[in-house]
Amino acid sequence: MNLEQLEKMRNGTGFVAALDQSGGSTPKALRLYGIPEDAYTSEEEMFDLVHQMRTRIMTSPSFNGDRILAAILFENTMDRDIEGRPTPDYLWNDKRVVPILKVDKGLAEEADGAQVMKPMPGLDELLARATDNGIFGTKMRSVVKLPGAGVDAVVDQQFEIAHRILGTGLVPIIEPEVDIHSPKKAEAEQQLKTALAGHLEQVPDDRLVVFKLTLPEEDNLYRDFVEHPKVLRVLALSGGYTRAEADARLARNHGVVASFSRALTEGLHVDQSDSEFDAALDAAIAGIAEASLT
């Protein structure tokens, strides 16, 4: 483990940029950026275009380690270059931004009010490649829509895979997202907190995990995790809230820092000039970083 990256993740100021849209979510990300689906005819062209978008973000003077702790990458992005160098190497050595890799393969069908993750064939090989590429940690996402048995299934699976990741020396980001449109969101969050706390007891004392959680209905619901010795950091996902709403909710949850995706790129457009693009990105980063300071 890179101890300088560990120190930055533990005590640094700023937030985690989520730039990890994968095959299923990439068309929407491109559409919001101003590139319609008829602008590309293959998955390869689609990934070329989204890499251009991400490269524009990561090479912007606004995007650096002063306000950004880490960036979560899709596997395809990890394997590509920025300015002639591997993306993780560029992020850390040019920008002082810690590189993190999304490792899940998407969501299974809903059952018991939740969606666990699809099987992850080749996970061990992917983790080995991540380590070779200088990746610090991983991220994997599940979704909870209602309280009940599905919450426990999600958390059980997250920690089962987290223990495999911990065995490689990487730090897992555990992301059991609670749907912001859930009619029982607060109840689901309370159950989720209890389940996460129970599994934390099984994490070895010399290992660390990160939680990435939906901004809760009860302010400071996850404060116990912020202060837990086995939790490196608690991150908040924007989950479909506007950036303004996400920033406002985040500011009320002390010690939690942002890990926004769509809210980060809100307002960016392919047709903007470089100066317009950089100004829009700078404003987004400034607002998210400020909300993450509380």
Protein backbone atom coordinates (compact mmCIF):
# COMPACT_ATOMS: atom_id res chain seq x y z
CA MET A 1 0.00 0.00 0.00
CA ASN A 2 1.17 3.51 -0.84
CA LEU A 3 1.46 5.19 2.58
CA GLU A 4 1.35 8.68 1.08
CA GLN A 5 -1.95 7.84 -0.59
CA LEU A 6 -3.23 6.33 2.66
CA GLU A 7 -2.42 9.53 4.54
CA LYS A 8 -4.15 11.64 1.90
CA MET A 9 -7.28 9.47 2.03
CA ARG A 10 -7.32 9.54 5.83
CA ASN A 11 -6.60 13.20 6.54
CA GLY A 12 -6.74 15.10 3.27
CA THR A 13 -9.36 17.73 2.49
CA GLY A 14 -11.56 17.59 -0.57
CA PHE A 15 -13.72 14.89 -2.09
CA VAL A 16 -13.64 11.80 -4.30
CA ALA A 17 -14.52 12.28 -7.96
CA ALA A 18 -16.58 9.38 -9.34
CA LEU A 19 -15.60 9.01 -13.01
CA ASP A 20 -16.58 5.36 -13.24
CA GLN A 21 -19.62 5.18 -15.50
CA SER A 22 -19.47 1.77 -17.18
CA GLY A 23 -21.23 0.23 -20.17
CA GLY A 24 -24.76 0.63 -18.88
CA SER A 25 -24.48 4.19 -17.60
CA THR A 26 -22.13 5.63 -20.22
CA PRO A 27 -24.82 6.57 -22.81
CA LYS A 28 -26.62 8.72 -20.23
CA ALA A 29 -23.37 10.37 -19.16
CA LEU A 30 -22.54 11.19 -22.77
CA ARG A 31 -26.06 12.43 -23.44
CA LEU A 32 -25.87 14.84 -20.50
CA TYR A 33 -22.52 16.01 -21.88
CA GLY A 34 -24.18 16.77 -25.22
CA ILE A 35 -23.29 13.64 -27.22
CA PRO A 36 -26.41 11.73 -28.38
CA GLU A 37 -26.46 7.98 -28.90
CA ASP A 38 -26.56 8.35 -32.69
CA ALA A 39 -23.11 9.98 -32.53
CA TYR A 40 -21.46 6.54 -32.18
CA THR A 41 -22.11 3.16 -33.75
CA SER A 42 -20.19 0.76 -31.50
CA GLU A 43 -19.23 0.23 -27.90
CA GLU A 44 -15.62 0.97 -28.81
CA GLU A 45 -16.58 4.39 -30.22
CA MET A 46 -18.71 5.06 -27.15
CA PHE A 47 -15.80 4.33 -24.81
CA ASP A 48 -13.48 6.47 -26.95
CA LEU A 49 -15.88 9.40 -26.54
CA VAL A 50 -16.32 8.98 -22.80
CA HIS A 51 -12.55 8.72 -22.38
CA GLN A 52 -12.23 12.01 -24.22
CA MET A 53 -14.73 13.52 -21.78
CA ARG A 54 -12.90 12.11 -18.76
CA THR A 55 -9.54 13.21 -20.15
CA ARG A 56 -10.90 16.73 -20.53
CA ILE A 57 -11.99 16.66 -16.89
CA MET A 58 -8.79 15.16 -15.49
CA THR A 59 -6.44 17.41 -17.48
CA SER A 60 -8.34 20.56 -16.53
CA PRO A 61 -6.32 22.89 -14.27
CA SER A 62 -9.32 22.84 -11.91
CA PHE A 63 -8.90 19.10 -11.33
CA ASN A 64 -6.04 18.48 -8.90
CA GLY A 65 -5.17 17.15 -5.47
CA ASP A 66 -5.77 20.45 -3.71
CA ARG A 67 -9.53 19.79 -3.66
CA ILE A 68 -9.83 16.21 -4.93
CA LEU A 69 -8.73 13.29 -2.79
CA ALA A 70 -9.23 10.50 -5.30
CA ALA A 71 -10.86 9.53 -8.57
CA ILE A 72 -12.84 6.32 -9.12
CA LEU A 73 -12.15 4.82 -12.54
CA PHE A 74 -13.90 2.30 -14.76
CA GLU A 75 -11.65 -0.62 -15.82
CA ASN A 76 -11.59 0.70 -19.39
CA THR A 77 -10.23 4.02 -18.10
CA MET A 78 -7.55 2.36 -15.98
CA ASP A 79 -6.31 0.57 -19.10
CA ARG A 80 -6.09 3.76 -21.18
CA ASP A 81 -3.57 6.61 -21.23
CA ILE A 82 -3.78 10.30 -20.50
CA GLU A 83 -1.15 12.48 -22.15
CA GLY A 84 0.78 9.34 -23.08
CA ARG A 85 0.86 7.79 -19.61
CA PRO A 86 -1.33 5.21 -17.85
CA THR A 87 -4.31 6.95 -16.26
CA PRO A 88 -3.54 5.90 -12.64
CA ASP A 89 0.07 7.05 -13.00
CA TYR A 90 -1.04 10.39 -14.47
CA LEU A 91 -3.58 10.97 -11.70
CA TRP A 92 -1.18 10.36 -8.84
CA ASN A 93 2.10 11.71 -10.16
CA ASP A 94 0.76 14.73 -12.06
CA LYS A 95 -2.34 15.60 -10.08
CA ARG A 96 -1.75 14.01 -6.64
CA VAL A 97 -5.17 12.37 -6.94
CA VAL A 98 -5.43 8.83 -5.56
CA PRO A 99 -6.58 6.29 -8.21
CA ILE A 100 -9.41 3.89 -7.30
CA LEU A 101 -10.99 1.20 -9.50
CA LYS A 102 -14.65 0.17 -9.87
CA VAL A 103 -14.69 -3.64 -9.84
CA ASP A 104 -18.36 -4.65 -9.92
CA LYS A 105 -20.06 -5.85 -13.11
CA GLY A 106 -23.40 -4.17 -12.52
CA LEU A 107 -26.59 -5.06 -10.69
CA ALA A 108 -28.62 -8.26 -10.59
CA GLU A 109 -32.40 -8.20 -10.91
CA GLU A 110 -34.31 -6.79 -7.95
CA ALA A 111 -35.24 -9.25 -5.20
CA ASP A 112 -36.61 -8.52 -1.72
CA GLY A 113 -36.47 -4.78 -2.38
CA ALA A 114 -32.79 -4.69 -3.34
CA GLN A 115 -30.30 -5.41 -6.09
CA VAL A 116 -27.15 -7.31 -5.24
CA MET A 117 -24.19 -7.29 -7.60
CA LYS A 118 -23.84 -9.61 -10.57
CA PRO A 119 -21.17 -12.32 -10.36
CA MET A 120 -17.61 -11.06 -10.85
CA PRO A 121 -15.69 -13.65 -12.88
CA GLY A 122 -12.05 -12.74 -13.15
CA LEU A 123 -12.06 -10.59 -10.02
CA ASP A 124 -8.75 -11.94 -8.74
CA GLU A 125 -7.05 -11.19 -12.05
CA LEU A 126 -8.55 -7.69 -12.09
CA LEU A 127 -7.34 -7.02 -8.56
CA ALA A 128 -3.84 -8.16 -9.53
CA ARG A 129 -3.84 -5.81 -12.53
CA ALA A 130 -5.12 -2.99 -10.32
CA THR A 131 -2.24 -3.52 -7.91
CA ASP A 132 0.26 -3.56 -10.79
CA ASN A 133 -1.22 -0.29 -12.07
CA GLY A 134 -0.77 1.52 -8.76
CA ILE A 135 -4.44 1.47 -7.80
CA PHE A 136 -5.07 2.24 -4.10
CA GLY A 137 -8.53 0.77 -3.62
CA THR A 138 -11.69 -0.50 -5.24
CA LYS A 139 -15.39 0.37 -5.41
CA MET A 140 -18.47 -1.81 -5.81
CA ARG A 141 -22.11 -0.76 -5.84
CA SER A 142 -25.37 -2.42 -4.80
CA VAL A 143 -28.81 -0.80 -4.46
CA VAL A 144 -31.37 -0.92 -1.66
CA LYS A 145 -34.93 0.17 -2.44
CA LEU A 146 -36.85 -1.05 0.61
CA PRO A 147 -36.06 -2.30 4.10
CA GLY A 148 -36.19 -6.06 4.58
CA ALA A 149 -34.22 -9.17 3.68
CA GLY A 150 -32.67 -7.49 0.65
CA VAL A 151 -30.67 -5.11 2.85
CA ASP A 152 -28.95 -7.99 4.62
CA ALA A 153 -28.30 -9.77 1.31
CA VAL A 154 -26.63 -6.63 -0.08
CA VAL A 155 -24.42 -6.11 2.97
CA ASP A 156 -23.50 -9.79 3.25
CA GLN A 157 -22.33 -9.83 -0.38
CA GLN A 158 -20.48 -6.52 -0.11
CA PHE A 159 -18.43 -7.72 2.83
CA GLU A 160 -17.82 -11.17 1.38
CA ILE A 161 -16.11 -9.56 -1.60
CA ALA A 162 -14.53 -6.83 0.55
CA HIS A 163 -12.64 -9.49 2.50
CA ARG A 164 -11.21 -10.84 -0.77
CA ILE A 165 -10.12 -7.35 -1.72
CA LEU A 166 -8.58 -6.72 1.69
CA GLY A 167 -6.52 -9.87 1.21
CA THR A 168 -4.75 -8.21 -1.75
CA GLY A 169 -3.79 -5.11 0.23
CA LEU A 170 -6.29 -2.89 -1.60
CA VAL A 171 -8.84 -0.81 0.31
CA PRO A 172 -12.47 -1.60 -0.66
CA ILE A 173 -15.12 1.08 -0.98
CA ILE A 174 -18.38 -0.57 0.07
CA GLU A 175 -21.31 1.16 -1.65
CA PRO A 176 -24.80 -0.06 -0.71
CA GLU A 177 -26.76 2.81 -2.25
CA VAL A 178 -30.22 3.52 -0.85
CA ASP A 179 -32.54 4.71 -3.62
CA ILE A 180 -33.43 8.37 -2.93
CA HIS A 181 -36.96 7.68 -4.22
CA SER A 182 -37.63 4.86 -1.75
CA PRO A 183 -40.93 5.40 0.12
CA LYS A 184 -39.20 3.93 3.19
CA LYS A 185 -35.78 5.50 2.75
CA ALA A 186 -35.21 6.41 6.40
CA GLU A 187 -36.21 2.95 7.60
CA ALA A 188 -33.96 1.27 5.06
CA GLU A 189 -31.07 3.49 6.14
CA GLN A 190 -31.49 2.55 9.78
CA GLN A 191 -31.46 -1.16 8.89
CA LEU A 192 -28.44 -0.63 6.65
CA LYS A 193 -26.51 1.11 9.42
CA THR A 194 -27.13 -1.79 11.80
CA ALA A 195 -26.04 -4.36 9.20
CA LEU A 196 -22.87 -2.44 8.31
CA ALA A 197 -21.94 -2.05 11.97
CA GLY A 198 -22.31 -5.78 12.55
CA HIS A 199 -20.04 -6.69 9.66
CA LEU A 200 -17.40 -4.15 10.69
CA GLU A 201 -16.73 -6.29 13.73
CA GLN A 202 -15.42 -9.04 11.40
CA VAL A 203 -12.89 -6.75 9.68
CA PRO A 204 -9.36 -7.43 11.00
CA ASP A 205 -7.96 -4.70 13.24
CA ASP A 206 -5.12 -4.01 10.79
CA ARG A 207 -7.43 -3.49 7.80
CA LEU A 208 -9.51 -0.53 6.64
CA VAL A 209 -12.65 -0.10 4.57
CA VAL A 210 -14.40 2.92 3.09
CA PHE A 211 -18.17 3.35 3.09
CA LYS A 212 -19.92 5.20 0.25
CA LEU A 213 -23.50 5.87 1.29
CA THR A 214 -26.56 7.77 0.14
CA LEU A 215 -27.02 11.11 1.89
CA PRO A 216 -29.36 10.09 4.74
CA GLU A 217 -32.71 11.43 5.85
CA GLU A 218 -31.41 11.74 9.42
CA ASP A 219 -28.48 14.13 9.55
CA ASN A 220 -25.27 12.61 10.94
CA LEU A 221 -26.78 9.11 10.85
CA TYR A 222 -23.38 7.69 9.95
CA ARG A 223 -21.29 9.70 12.42
CA ASP A 224 -20.35 6.49 14.28
CA PHE A 225 -18.68 5.25 11.08
CA VAL A 226 -16.83 8.55 10.59
CA GLU A 227 -15.20 7.94 13.97
CA HIS A 228 -14.74 4.15 13.65
CA PRO A 229 -11.10 2.97 13.69
CA LYS A 230 -11.70 0.45 10.88
CA VAL A 231 -13.38 3.00 8.55
CA LEU A 232 -10.85 5.03 6.59
CA ARG A 233 -13.44 7.48 5.28
CA VAL A 234 -17.19 7.85 4.84
CA LEU A 235 -18.18 9.09 1.39
CA ALA A 236 -21.54 10.35 0.21
CA LEU A 237 -23.05 9.63 -3.20
CA SER A 238 -25.33 12.16 -4.85
CA GLY A 239 -27.79 9.46 -5.95
CA GLY A 240 -29.79 11.64 -8.34
CA TYR A 241 -30.06 14.75 -6.17
CA THR A 242 -29.15 17.98 -7.93
CA ARG A 243 -25.71 19.30 -7.04
CA ALA A 244 -27.27 22.08 -4.95
CA GLU A 245 -29.41 19.62 -2.97
CA ALA A 246 -26.53 17.15 -2.60
CA ASP A 247 -24.17 19.88 -1.39
CA ALA A 248 -26.74 21.12 1.13
CA ARG A 249 -27.39 17.64 2.51
CA LEU A 250 -23.68 16.87 2.62
CA ALA A 251 -22.93 20.01 4.61
CA ARG A 252 -25.28 18.76 7.34
CA ASN A 253 -23.43 15.45 7.71
CA HIS A 254 -20.23 16.26 9.56
CA GLY A 255 -17.09 14.35 8.68
CA VAL A 256 -18.60 12.87 5.50
CA VAL A 257 -17.04 13.86 2.17
CA ALA A 258 -18.56 13.73 -1.29
CA SER A 259 -18.05 11.12 -3.95
CA PHE A 260 -20.23 12.56 -6.68
CA SER A 261 -20.58 11.48 -10.30
CA ARG A 262 -23.47 13.09 -12.14
CA ALA A 263 -23.52 16.04 -9.72
CA LEU A 264 -19.83 16.67 -10.47
CA THR A 265 -20.33 16.79 -14.23
CA GLU A 266 -23.62 18.72 -14.11
CA GLY A 267 -23.33 21.71 -16.43
CA LEU A 268 -20.38 20.42 -18.48
CA HIS A 269 -20.94 20.27 -22.25
CA VAL A 270 -18.93 19.07 -25.22
CA ASP A 271 -19.51 22.37 -27.07
CA GLN A 272 -18.07 24.58 -24.33
CA SER A 273 -14.78 26.30 -25.01
CA ASP A 274 -11.90 25.21 -22.81
CA SER A 275 -12.26 28.33 -20.69
CA GLU A 276 -16.02 27.81 -20.32
CA PHE A 277 -15.53 24.15 -19.49
CA ASP A 278 -12.83 24.86 -16.91
CA ALA A 279 -14.93 27.58 -15.29
CA ALA A 280 -17.95 25.29 -15.00
CA LEU A 281 -15.84 22.44 -13.61
CA ASP A 282 -14.07 24.78 -11.18
CA ALA A 283 -17.41 26.01 -9.84
CA ALA A 284 -18.64 22.43 -9.37
CA ILE A 285 -15.44 21.35 -7.63
CA ALA A 286 -15.44 24.43 -5.39
CA GLY A 287 -19.00 23.84 -4.22
CA ILE A 288 -18.53 20.13 -3.57
CA ALA A 289 -15.22 20.66 -1.80
CA GLU A 290 -16.73 23.34 0.41
CA ALA A 291 -19.63 21.10 1.41
CA SER A 292 -17.14 18.32 2.20
CA LEU A 293 -15.27 20.46 4.74
CA THR A 294 -17.90 20.32 7.47
